PDB file of N, CA and C in Angstrom:
ATOM      1  N   MET A   1     -21.275  12.776 -15.757  1.00  0.00           N
ATOM      2  CA  MET A   1     -20.407  12.049 -14.848  1.00  0.00           C
ATOM      3  C   MET A   1     -19.594  11.035 -15.657  1.00  0.00           C
ATOM      4  N   ALA A   2     -18.319  10.987 -15.417  1.00  0.00           N
ATOM      5  CA  ALA A   2     -17.439  10.063 -16.138  1.00  0.00           C
ATOM      6  C   ALA A   2     -17.669   8.623 -15.664  1.00  0.00           C
ATOM      7  N   ARG A   3     -17.415   7.689 -16.580  1.00  0.00           N
ATOM      8  CA  ARG A   3     -17.571   6.278 -16.219  1.00  0.00           C
ATOM      9  C   ARG A   3     -16.400   5.833 -15.347  1.00  0.00           C
ATOM     10  N   GLN A   4     -16.586   4.743 -14.651  1.00  0.00           N
ATOM     11  CA  GLN A   4     -15.522   4.177 -13.828  1.00  0.00           C
ATOM     12  C   GLN A   4     -14.429   3.593 -14.715  1.00  0.00           C
ATOM     13  N   PRO A   5     -13.167   3.609 -14.265  1.00  0.00           N
ATOM     14  CA  PRO A   5     -12.089   3.021 -15.058  1.00  0.00           C
ATOM     15  C   PRO A   5     -12.317   1.524 -15.276  1.00  0.00           C
ATOM     16  N   ARG A   6     -11.837   1.027 -16.418  1.00  0.00           N
ATOM     17  CA  ARG A   6     -11.946  -0.402 -16.707  1.00  0.00           C
ATOM     18  C   ARG A   6     -10.999  -1.188 -15.819  1.00  0.00           C
ATOM     19  N   PHE A   7     -11.409  -2.413 -15.509  1.00  0.00           N
ATOM     20  CA  PHE A   7     -10.495  -3.335 -14.851  1.00  0.00           C
ATOM     21  C   PHE A   7      -9.535  -3.843 -15.908  1.00  0.00           C
ATOM     22  N   LYS A   8      -8.253  -3.873 -15.599  1.00  0.00           N
ATOM     23  CA  LYS A   8      -7.253  -4.340 -16.549  1.00  0.00           C
ATOM     24  C   LYS A   8      -6.581  -5.583 -15.990  1.00  0.00           C
ATOM     25  N   TYR A   9      -6.519  -6.623 -16.803  1.00  0.00           N
ATOM     26  CA  TYR A   9      -5.820  -7.838 -16.419  1.00  0.00           C
ATOM     27  C   TYR A   9      -5.422  -8.579 -17.682  1.00  0.00           C
ATOM     28  N   PRO A  10      -4.389  -9.417 -17.625  1.00  0.00           N
ATOM     29  CA  PRO A  10      -3.935 -10.155 -18.808  1.00  0.00           C
ATOM     30  C   PRO A  10      -5.057 -11.011 -19.384  1.00  0.00           C
ATOM     31  N   GLY A  11      -5.226 -10.940 -20.697  1.00  0.00           N
ATOM     32  CA  GLY A  11      -6.247 -11.738 -21.366  1.00  0.00           C
ATOM     33  C   GLY A  11      -7.636 -11.129 -21.350  1.00  0.00           C
ATOM     34  N   ALA A  12      -7.772  -9.922 -20.820  1.00  0.00           N
ATOM     35  CA  ALA A  12      -9.080  -9.267 -20.758  1.00  0.00           C
ATOM     36  C   ALA A  12      -9.600  -8.999 -22.166  1.00  0.00           C
ATOM     37  N   VAL A  13     -10.913  -9.012 -22.320  1.00  0.00           N
ATOM     38  CA  VAL A  13     -11.570  -8.712 -23.592  1.00  0.00           C
ATOM     39  C   VAL A  13     -12.412  -7.455 -23.373  1.00  0.00           C
ATOM     40  N   TYR A  14     -12.267  -6.481 -24.277  1.00  0.00           N
ATOM     41  CA  TYR A  14     -13.002  -5.227 -24.160  1.00  0.00           C
ATOM     42  C   TYR A  14     -13.874  -5.026 -25.394  1.00  0.00           C
ATOM     43  N   HIS A  15     -15.051  -4.498 -25.173  1.00  0.00           N
ATOM     44  CA  HIS A  15     -15.963  -4.160 -26.262  1.00  0.00           C
ATOM     45  C   HIS A  15     -15.793  -2.668 -26.535  1.00  0.00           C
ATOM     46  N   VAL A  16     -15.234  -2.345 -27.687  1.00  0.00           N
ATOM     47  CA  VAL A  16     -14.966  -0.951 -28.046  1.00  0.00           C
ATOM     48  C   VAL A  16     -15.749  -0.630 -29.311  1.00  0.00           C
ATOM     49  N   MET A  17     -16.456   0.488 -29.301  1.00  0.00           N
ATOM     50  CA  MET A  17     -17.261   0.891 -30.453  1.00  0.00           C
ATOM     51  C   MET A  17     -16.905   2.314 -30.872  1.00  0.00           C
ATOM     52  N   ALA A  18     -17.072   2.567 -32.148  1.00  0.00           N
ATOM     53  CA  ALA A  18     -16.933   3.924 -32.675  1.00  0.00           C
ATOM     54  C   ALA A  18     -18.093   4.130 -33.642  1.00  0.00           C
ATOM     55  N   ARG A  19     -18.932   5.108 -33.357  1.00  0.00           N
ATOM     56  CA  ARG A  19     -20.061   5.376 -34.255  1.00  0.00           C
ATOM     57  C   ARG A  19     -20.389   6.865 -34.224  1.00  0.00           C
ATOM     58  N   GLY A  20     -21.041   7.294 -35.278  1.00  0.00           N
ATOM     59  CA  GLY A  20     -21.388   8.698 -35.402  1.00  0.00           C
ATOM     60  C   GLY A  20     -22.553   9.093 -34.513  1.00  0.00           C
ATOM     61  N   ASP A  21     -22.637  10.361 -34.222  1.00  0.00           N
ATOM     62  CA  ASP A  21     -23.702  10.909 -33.392  1.00  0.00           C
ATOM     63  C   ASP A  21     -25.046  10.800 -34.095  1.00  0.00           C
ATOM     64  N   GLY A  22     -26.030  10.253 -33.421  1.00  0.00           N
ATOM     65  CA  GLY A  22     -27.381  10.173 -33.971  1.00  0.00           C
ATOM     66  C   GLY A  22     -27.489   9.329 -35.230  1.00  0.00           C
ATOM     67  N   GLY A  23     -26.647   8.331 -35.361  1.00  0.00           N
ATOM     68  CA  GLY A  23     -26.695   7.458 -36.533  1.00  0.00           C
ATOM     69  C   GLY A  23     -26.001   8.014 -37.764  1.00  0.00           C
ATOM     70  N   LYS A  24     -25.339   9.155 -37.606  1.00  0.00           N
ATOM     71  CA  LYS A  24     -24.609   9.740 -38.740  1.00  0.00           C
ATOM     72  C   LYS A  24     -23.368   8.903 -39.037  1.00  0.00           C
ATOM     73  N   PRO A  25     -22.924   8.925 -40.288  1.00  0.00           N
ATOM     74  CA  PRO A  25     -21.710   8.170 -40.636  1.00  0.00           C
ATOM     75  C   PRO A  25     -20.507   8.691 -39.845  1.00  0.00           C
ATOM     76  N   LEU A  26     -19.632   7.772 -39.475  1.00  0.00           N
ATOM     77  CA  LEU A  26     -18.424   8.151 -38.764  1.00  0.00           C
ATOM     78  C   LEU A  26     -17.393   8.733 -39.728  1.00  0.00           C
ATOM     79  N   PHE A  27     -17.354   8.198 -40.945  1.00  0.00           N
ATOM     80  CA  PHE A  27     -16.408   8.658 -41.964  1.00  0.00           C
ATOM     81  C   PHE A  27     -17.184   9.182 -43.163  1.00  0.00           C
ATOM     82  N   LEU A  28     -16.840  10.367 -43.619  1.00  0.00           N
ATOM     83  CA  LEU A  28     -17.529  10.953 -44.760  1.00  0.00           C
ATOM     84  C   LEU A  28     -16.880  10.550 -46.079  1.00  0.00           C
ATOM     85  N   GLN A  29     -15.592  10.236 -46.045  1.00  0.00           N
ATOM     86  CA  GLN A  29     -14.860   9.859 -47.254  1.00  0.00           C
ATOM     87  C   GLN A  29     -14.341   8.427 -47.109  1.00  0.00           C
ATOM     88  N   LYS A  30     -14.346   7.681 -48.195  1.00  0.00           N
ATOM     89  CA  LYS A  30     -13.838   6.312 -48.194  1.00  0.00           C
ATOM     90  C   LYS A  30     -12.375   6.288 -47.752  1.00  0.00           C
ATOM     91  N   GLU A  31     -11.611   7.282 -48.160  1.00  0.00           N
ATOM     92  CA  GLU A  31     -10.193   7.353 -47.812  1.00  0.00           C
ATOM     93  C   GLU A  31      -9.990   7.480 -46.305  1.00  0.00           C
ATOM     94  N   ASP A  32     -10.873   8.201 -45.631  1.00  0.00           N
ATOM     95  CA  ASP A  32     -10.782   8.348 -44.179  1.00  0.00           C
ATOM     96  C   ASP A  32     -11.005   7.003 -43.492  1.00  0.00           C
ATOM     97  N   HIS A  33     -11.983   6.254 -43.980  1.00  0.00           N
ATOM     98  CA  HIS A  33     -12.265   4.929 -43.422  1.00  0.00           C
ATOM     99  C   HIS A  33     -11.087   3.989 -43.639  1.00  0.00           C
ATOM    100  N   GLU A  34     -10.511   4.021 -44.836  1.00  0.00           N
ATOM    101  CA  GLU A  34      -9.356   3.177 -45.137  1.00  0.00           C
ATOM    102  C   GLU A  34      -8.152   3.562 -44.276  1.00  0.00           C
ATOM    103  N   SER A  35      -7.965   4.850 -44.035  1.00  0.00           N
ATOM    104  CA  SER A  35      -6.877   5.316 -43.186  1.00  0.00           C
ATOM    105  C   SER A  35      -7.068   4.827 -41.751  1.00  0.00           C
ATOM    106  N   PHE A  36      -8.301   4.907 -41.258  1.00  0.00           N
ATOM    107  CA  PHE A  36      -8.608   4.419 -39.920  1.00  0.00           C
ATOM    108  C   PHE A  36      -8.274   2.943 -39.800  1.00  0.00           C
ATOM    109  N   LEU A  37      -8.679   2.134 -40.781  1.00  0.00           N
ATOM    110  CA  LEU A  37      -8.397   0.698 -40.736  1.00  0.00           C
ATOM    111  C   LEU A  37      -6.903   0.414 -40.811  1.00  0.00           C
ATOM    112  N   TYR A  38      -6.180   1.190 -41.602  1.00  0.00           N
ATOM    113  CA  TYR A  38      -4.727   1.042 -41.704  1.00  0.00           C
ATOM    114  C   TYR A  38      -4.080   1.253 -40.336  1.00  0.00           C
ATOM    115  N   TRP A  39      -4.435   2.366 -39.686  1.00  0.00           N
ATOM    116  CA  TRP A  39      -3.821   2.680 -38.395  1.00  0.00           C
ATOM    117  C   TRP A  39      -4.293   1.728 -37.300  1.00  0.00           C
ATOM    118  N   LEU A  40      -5.526   1.286 -37.374  1.00  0.00           N
ATOM    119  CA  LEU A  40      -6.019   0.294 -36.419  1.00  0.00           C
ATOM    120  C   LEU A  40      -5.188  -0.978 -36.513  1.00  0.00           C
ATOM    121  N   GLU A  41      -4.913  -1.418 -37.733  1.00  0.00           N
ATOM    122  CA  GLU A  41      -4.086  -2.615 -37.931  1.00  0.00           C
ATOM    123  C   GLU A  41      -2.675  -2.407 -37.371  1.00  0.00           C
ATOM    124  N   LYS A  42      -2.077  -1.251 -37.641  1.00  0.00           N
ATOM    125  CA  LYS A  42      -0.725  -0.958 -37.154  1.00  0.00           C
ATOM    126  C   LYS A  42      -0.671  -0.966 -35.623  1.00  0.00           C
ATOM    127  N   ILE A  43      -1.591  -0.271 -34.994  1.00  0.00           N
ATOM    128  CA  ILE A  43      -1.606  -0.169 -33.533  1.00  0.00           C
ATOM    129  C   ILE A  43      -1.879  -1.524 -32.893  1.00  0.00           C
ATOM    130  N   CYS A  44      -2.849  -2.251 -33.426  1.00  0.00           N
ATOM    131  CA  CYS A  44      -3.151  -3.575 -32.876  1.00  0.00           C
ATOM    132  C   CYS A  44      -1.949  -4.497 -32.995  1.00  0.00           C
ATOM    133  N   GLY A  45      -1.263  -4.443 -34.131  1.00  0.00           N
ATOM    134  CA  GLY A  45      -0.078  -5.270 -34.332  1.00  0.00           C
ATOM    135  C   GLY A  45       1.042  -4.924 -33.368  1.00  0.00           C
ATOM    136  N   SER A  46       1.255  -3.647 -33.134  1.00  0.00           N
ATOM    137  CA  SER A  46       2.354  -3.234 -32.255  1.00  0.00           C
ATOM    138  C   SER A  46       2.067  -3.486 -30.780  1.00  0.00           C
ATOM    139  N   HIS A  47       0.782  -3.620 -30.416  1.00  0.00           N
ATOM    140  CA  HIS A  47       0.419  -3.842 -29.017  1.00  0.00           C
ATOM    141  C   HIS A  47      -0.044  -5.274 -28.741  1.00  0.00           C
ATOM    142  N   GLY A  48      -0.117  -6.097 -29.776  1.00  0.00           N
ATOM    143  CA  GLY A  48      -0.566  -7.476 -29.584  1.00  0.00           C
ATOM    144  C   GLY A  48      -2.067  -7.589 -29.361  1.00  0.00           C
ATOM    145  N   TRP A  49      -2.822  -6.600 -29.814  1.00  0.00           N
ATOM    146  CA  TRP A  49      -4.277  -6.625 -29.671  1.00  0.00           C
ATOM    147  C   TRP A  49      -4.888  -7.378 -30.839  1.00  0.00           C
ATOM    148  N   ARG A  50      -6.093  -7.912 -30.655  1.00  0.00           N
ATOM    149  CA  ARG A  50      -6.822  -8.598 -31.714  1.00  0.00           C
ATOM    150  C   ARG A  50      -8.185  -7.941 -31.911  1.00  0.00           C
ATOM    151  N   VAL A  51      -8.579  -7.801 -33.149  1.00  0.00           N
ATOM    152  CA  VAL A  51      -9.907  -7.288 -33.491  1.00  0.00           C
ATOM    153  C   VAL A  51     -10.732  -8.500 -33.923  1.00  0.00           C
ATOM    154  N   HIS A  52     -11.855  -8.719 -33.272  1.00  0.00           N
ATOM    155  CA  HIS A  52     -12.698  -9.865 -33.586  1.00  0.00           C
ATOM    156  C   HIS A  52     -13.747  -9.562 -34.643  1.00  0.00           C
ATOM    157  N   ALA A  53     -14.111  -8.316 -34.787  1.00  0.00           N
ATOM    158  CA  ALA A  53     -15.097  -7.928 -35.794  1.00  0.00           C
ATOM    159  C   ALA A  53     -14.870  -6.468 -36.163  1.00  0.00           C
ATOM    160  N   CYS A  54     -15.030  -6.174 -37.418  1.00  0.00           N
ATOM    161  CA  CYS A  54     -14.878  -4.802 -37.883  1.00  0.00           C
ATOM    162  C   CYS A  54     -15.823  -4.640 -39.071  1.00  0.00           C
ATOM    163  N   GLU A  55     -16.695  -3.681 -38.993  1.00  0.00           N
ATOM    164  CA  GLU A  55     -17.691  -3.504 -40.037  1.00  0.00           C
ATOM    165  C   GLU A  55     -17.501  -2.212 -40.747  1.00  0.00           C
TER     166      GLU A  55
END
């Protein structure tokens, strides 16, 4: 069953996670991880989003 849609309002804070299945690594190559961070920065900048923590 799909989850309910998020409530959206100005100034809302969302907890978003990305992790591998069963504790497996999400990225197998360092370059893939760096590419993900590059695009995350670009998208956040273009949409005015802020990342509070990134590991």
